[in-house]
Amino acid sequence: MKKVISRFIVILLVGLVLFVASCSPNTETEPLDENIATIETVLEHSFTGPEQKLIEIWNDIHSDEDEMEDIESAFEELNSYTSEKFKPYFIEESYTSYISSYGFTFLSNAYRNGYQLNLNRIDLETSEVNDNIYKFSLEVQYQKEDSDEQVVNVTGEVNINEDGFISNMLVRGNELMESFE
């Protein structure tokens, strides 16, 4: 009888250890998941829209009737909008670089040419050399009102620092930019 109870206790303890081990968070994959979420959020903000609020800001900036004070206010609103959408995901130097290079480049060109963008698919993979470097491939849909939708691929690379912020981002979207012409 004591052998049966001893075996039962051993099996129970082993089962309990396995259960606890399987329920504890895997800290190795959490940073990767957070990095992927960061990258996906930035790409969604860059390749979906432009949304109505951004269109209104751009209309205010480009309006011939507005006074200089109104235009300055619109630029302040654009800076606030940009900070809200992108700044939380970048280190300071990379934020400034990304905004001046890519941030609204695709959305503003779509807007000026009467297109809407929609990010259909994001494929991400880590570099074989460094886990903090991610390569991405996007499927971006673009469409003018009352016309057929078109799809183009955009590729690039993102470096994430040890704190989970984007330290460098390269976007290859020439084919999309040429589509707006």
Protein backbone atom coordinates (compact mmCIF):
# COMPACT_ATOMS: atom_id res chain seq x y z
CA MET A 1 0.00 0.00 0.00
CA LYS A 2 2.87 2.37 0.82
CA LYS A 3 4.37 1.70 -2.64
CA VAL A 4 1.12 2.68 -4.33
CA ILE A 5 0.89 5.91 -2.33
CA SER A 6 4.57 6.70 -3.00
CA ARG A 7 4.14 6.14 -6.73
CA PHE A 8 0.98 8.25 -6.73
CA ILE A 9 2.81 11.11 -4.98
CA VAL A 10 5.75 10.89 -7.40
CA ILE A 11 3.43 10.89 -10.42
CA LEU A 12 1.44 13.77 -8.95
CA LEU A 13 4.62 15.82 -8.33
CA VAL A 14 5.97 15.13 -11.82
CA GLY A 15 2.62 16.09 -13.32
CA LEU A 16 2.50 19.26 -11.26
CA VAL A 17 6.04 20.25 -12.32
CA LEU A 18 5.19 19.66 -15.99
CA PHE A 19 1.96 21.63 -15.67
CA VAL A 20 3.69 24.61 -14.02
CA ALA A 21 6.48 24.53 -16.60
CA SER A 22 4.02 24.53 -19.49
CA CYS A 23 2.01 27.41 -18.01
CA SER A 24 4.94 29.70 -17.29
CA PRO A 25 5.57 32.34 -19.95
CA ASN A 26 8.29 31.67 -22.46
CA THR A 27 10.45 34.76 -22.03
CA GLU A 28 12.48 34.01 -25.15
CA THR A 29 9.55 34.46 -27.53
CA GLU A 30 7.95 37.45 -25.82
CA PRO A 31 10.46 40.01 -27.14
CA LEU A 32 10.10 38.58 -30.65
CA ASP A 33 6.31 38.86 -30.40
CA GLU A 34 6.59 42.45 -29.14
CA ASN A 35 9.04 43.30 -31.92
CA ILE A 36 6.70 41.84 -34.52
CA ALA A 37 3.77 43.80 -33.08
CA THR A 38 5.86 46.99 -33.22
CA ILE A 39 6.84 46.44 -36.84
CA GLU A 40 3.32 45.49 -37.91
CA THR A 41 1.85 48.59 -36.26
CA VAL A 42 4.29 50.93 -38.02
CA LEU A 43 3.68 49.24 -41.37
CA GLU A 44 -0.09 49.43 -40.93
CA HIS A 45 0.15 53.16 -40.16
CA SER A 46 2.35 53.67 -43.22
CA PHE A 47 0.37 51.63 -45.76
CA THR A 48 -3.29 51.94 -44.78
CA GLY A 49 -5.29 55.03 -45.64
CA PRO A 50 -5.03 57.89 -45.64
CA GLU A 51 -7.64 58.12 -42.93
CA GLN A 52 -10.07 61.04 -42.81
CA LYS A 53 -8.26 62.95 -40.03
CA LEU A 54 -5.01 62.95 -42.03
CA ILE A 55 -6.84 64.08 -45.18
CA GLU A 56 -8.36 67.00 -43.25
CA ILE A 57 -4.93 68.02 -41.94
CA TRP A 58 -3.42 67.91 -45.42
CA ASN A 59 -6.38 69.87 -46.83
CA ASP A 60 -5.81 72.56 -44.19
CA ILE A 61 -2.11 72.75 -45.01
CA HIS A 62 -2.71 73.04 -48.76
CA SER A 63 -5.71 75.35 -48.63
CA ASP A 64 -5.23 78.65 -50.47
CA GLU A 65 -7.82 80.38 -48.28
CA ASP A 66 -6.21 79.70 -44.92
CA GLU A 67 -4.21 82.32 -43.15
CA MET A 68 -0.65 81.61 -42.07
CA GLU A 69 -1.85 81.07 -38.49
CA ASP A 70 -4.25 78.33 -39.66
CA ILE A 71 -1.53 76.65 -41.71
CA GLU A 72 0.87 76.72 -38.75
CA SER A 73 -1.87 75.19 -36.61
CA ALA A 74 -2.37 72.46 -39.24
CA PHE A 75 1.38 71.69 -39.22
CA GLU A 76 1.29 71.44 -35.42
CA GLU A 77 -1.65 69.05 -35.74
CA LEU A 78 0.31 67.01 -38.32
CA ASN A 79 3.30 66.84 -35.96
CA SER A 80 1.00 65.69 -33.15
CA TYR A 81 -0.63 63.11 -35.42
CA THR A 82 2.77 61.84 -36.57
CA SER A 83 4.05 61.61 -33.00
CA GLU A 84 0.98 59.64 -31.94
CA LYS A 85 1.21 57.16 -34.83
CA PHE A 86 4.99 56.59 -35.04
CA LYS A 87 7.07 58.03 -32.21
CA PRO A 88 6.31 55.34 -29.58
CA TYR A 89 7.96 52.72 -31.79
CA PHE A 90 11.27 54.41 -32.72
CA ILE A 91 14.40 55.69 -31.08
CA GLU A 92 14.53 59.48 -31.57
CA GLU A 93 17.05 59.57 -34.45
CA SER A 94 15.26 56.82 -36.36
CA TYR A 95 11.86 58.42 -35.81
CA THR A 96 13.02 61.64 -37.45
CA SER A 97 14.68 59.75 -40.29
CA TYR A 98 11.68 57.51 -40.90
CA ILE A 99 9.19 60.38 -40.94
CA SER A 100 11.30 62.41 -43.36
CA SER A 101 11.97 59.39 -45.62
CA TYR A 102 8.97 57.08 -45.50
CA GLY A 103 6.45 57.97 -42.78
CA PHE A 104 3.76 59.51 -44.96
CA THR A 105 5.47 59.28 -48.33
CA PHE A 106 3.24 56.50 -49.59
CA LEU A 107 0.04 57.85 -48.02
CA SER A 108 0.63 61.43 -49.19
CA ASN A 109 1.33 60.29 -52.76
CA ALA A 110 -1.77 58.11 -52.69
CA TYR A 111 -3.79 61.09 -51.40
CA ARG A 112 -2.45 63.52 -54.03
CA ASN A 113 -3.31 61.06 -56.79
CA GLY A 114 -6.73 60.03 -55.47
CA TYR A 115 -5.84 56.55 -54.18
CA GLN A 116 -6.60 54.66 -50.99
CA LEU A 117 -4.13 52.13 -49.65
CA ASN A 118 -4.86 48.95 -47.76
CA LEU A 119 -2.26 46.65 -46.26
CA ASN A 120 -3.46 43.16 -47.17
CA ARG A 121 -0.60 41.00 -45.89
CA ILE A 122 2.59 41.29 -43.85
CA ASP A 123 5.25 38.57 -43.93
CA LEU A 124 8.08 38.94 -41.41
CA GLU A 125 11.16 36.84 -40.83
CA THR A 126 14.18 37.31 -38.63
CA SER A 127 17.62 37.47 -40.11
CA GLU A 128 19.73 34.34 -39.90
CA VAL A 129 22.62 36.48 -38.68
CA ASN A 130 20.89 38.64 -36.04
CA ASP A 131 17.55 38.12 -34.23
CA ASN A 132 17.06 41.89 -34.03
CA ILE A 133 16.95 42.32 -37.81
CA TYR A 134 13.66 41.58 -39.54
CA LYS A 135 12.94 41.36 -43.25
CA PHE A 136 9.41 42.11 -44.37
CA SER A 137 7.33 41.65 -47.47
CA LEU A 138 3.99 43.42 -47.83
CA GLU A 139 1.06 43.07 -50.15
CA VAL A 140 -0.39 46.57 -50.55
CA GLN A 141 -3.66 47.19 -52.34
CA TYR A 142 -4.21 50.58 -53.96
CA GLN A 143 -7.40 51.80 -55.57
CA LYS A 144 -8.97 54.94 -56.97
CA GLU A 145 -12.65 55.51 -56.41
CA ASP A 146 -14.73 53.74 -59.10
CA SER A 147 -11.77 51.74 -60.41
CA ASP A 148 -10.39 48.27 -59.97
CA GLU A 149 -8.06 47.55 -57.10
CA GLN A 150 -4.43 46.83 -57.85
CA VAL A 151 -1.90 45.00 -55.67
CA VAL A 152 1.83 45.58 -55.39
CA ASN A 153 4.58 44.13 -53.21
CA VAL A 154 6.73 46.28 -50.94
CA THR A 155 9.79 44.91 -49.15
CA GLY A 156 12.18 46.17 -46.52
CA GLU A 157 14.20 45.60 -43.42
CA VAL A 158 13.85 46.72 -39.81
CA ASN A 159 16.41 46.76 -37.01
CA ILE A 160 15.06 46.58 -33.46
CA ASN A 161 17.30 47.55 -30.55
CA GLU A 162 17.53 45.61 -27.28
CA ASP A 163 14.83 47.83 -25.75
CA GLY A 164 12.32 46.92 -28.47
CA PHE A 165 12.45 50.19 -30.43
CA ILE A 166 13.09 50.54 -34.15
CA SER A 167 16.64 51.77 -34.67
CA ASN A 168 16.65 51.62 -38.48
CA MET A 169 14.08 50.95 -41.18
CA LEU A 170 14.48 50.59 -44.92
CA VAL A 171 11.46 50.41 -47.24
CA ARG A 172 11.66 49.42 -50.90
CA GLY A 173 8.43 50.70 -52.42
CA ASN A 174 9.42 52.06 -55.82
CA GLU A 175 6.85 49.93 -57.61
CA LEU A 176 4.06 51.37 -55.45
CA MET A 177 5.29 54.93 -55.99
CA GLU A 178 5.42 54.38 -59.76
CA SER A 179 1.83 53.10 -59.65
CA PHE A 180 0.58 56.52 -58.58
CA GLU A 181 1.83 58.19 -61.76
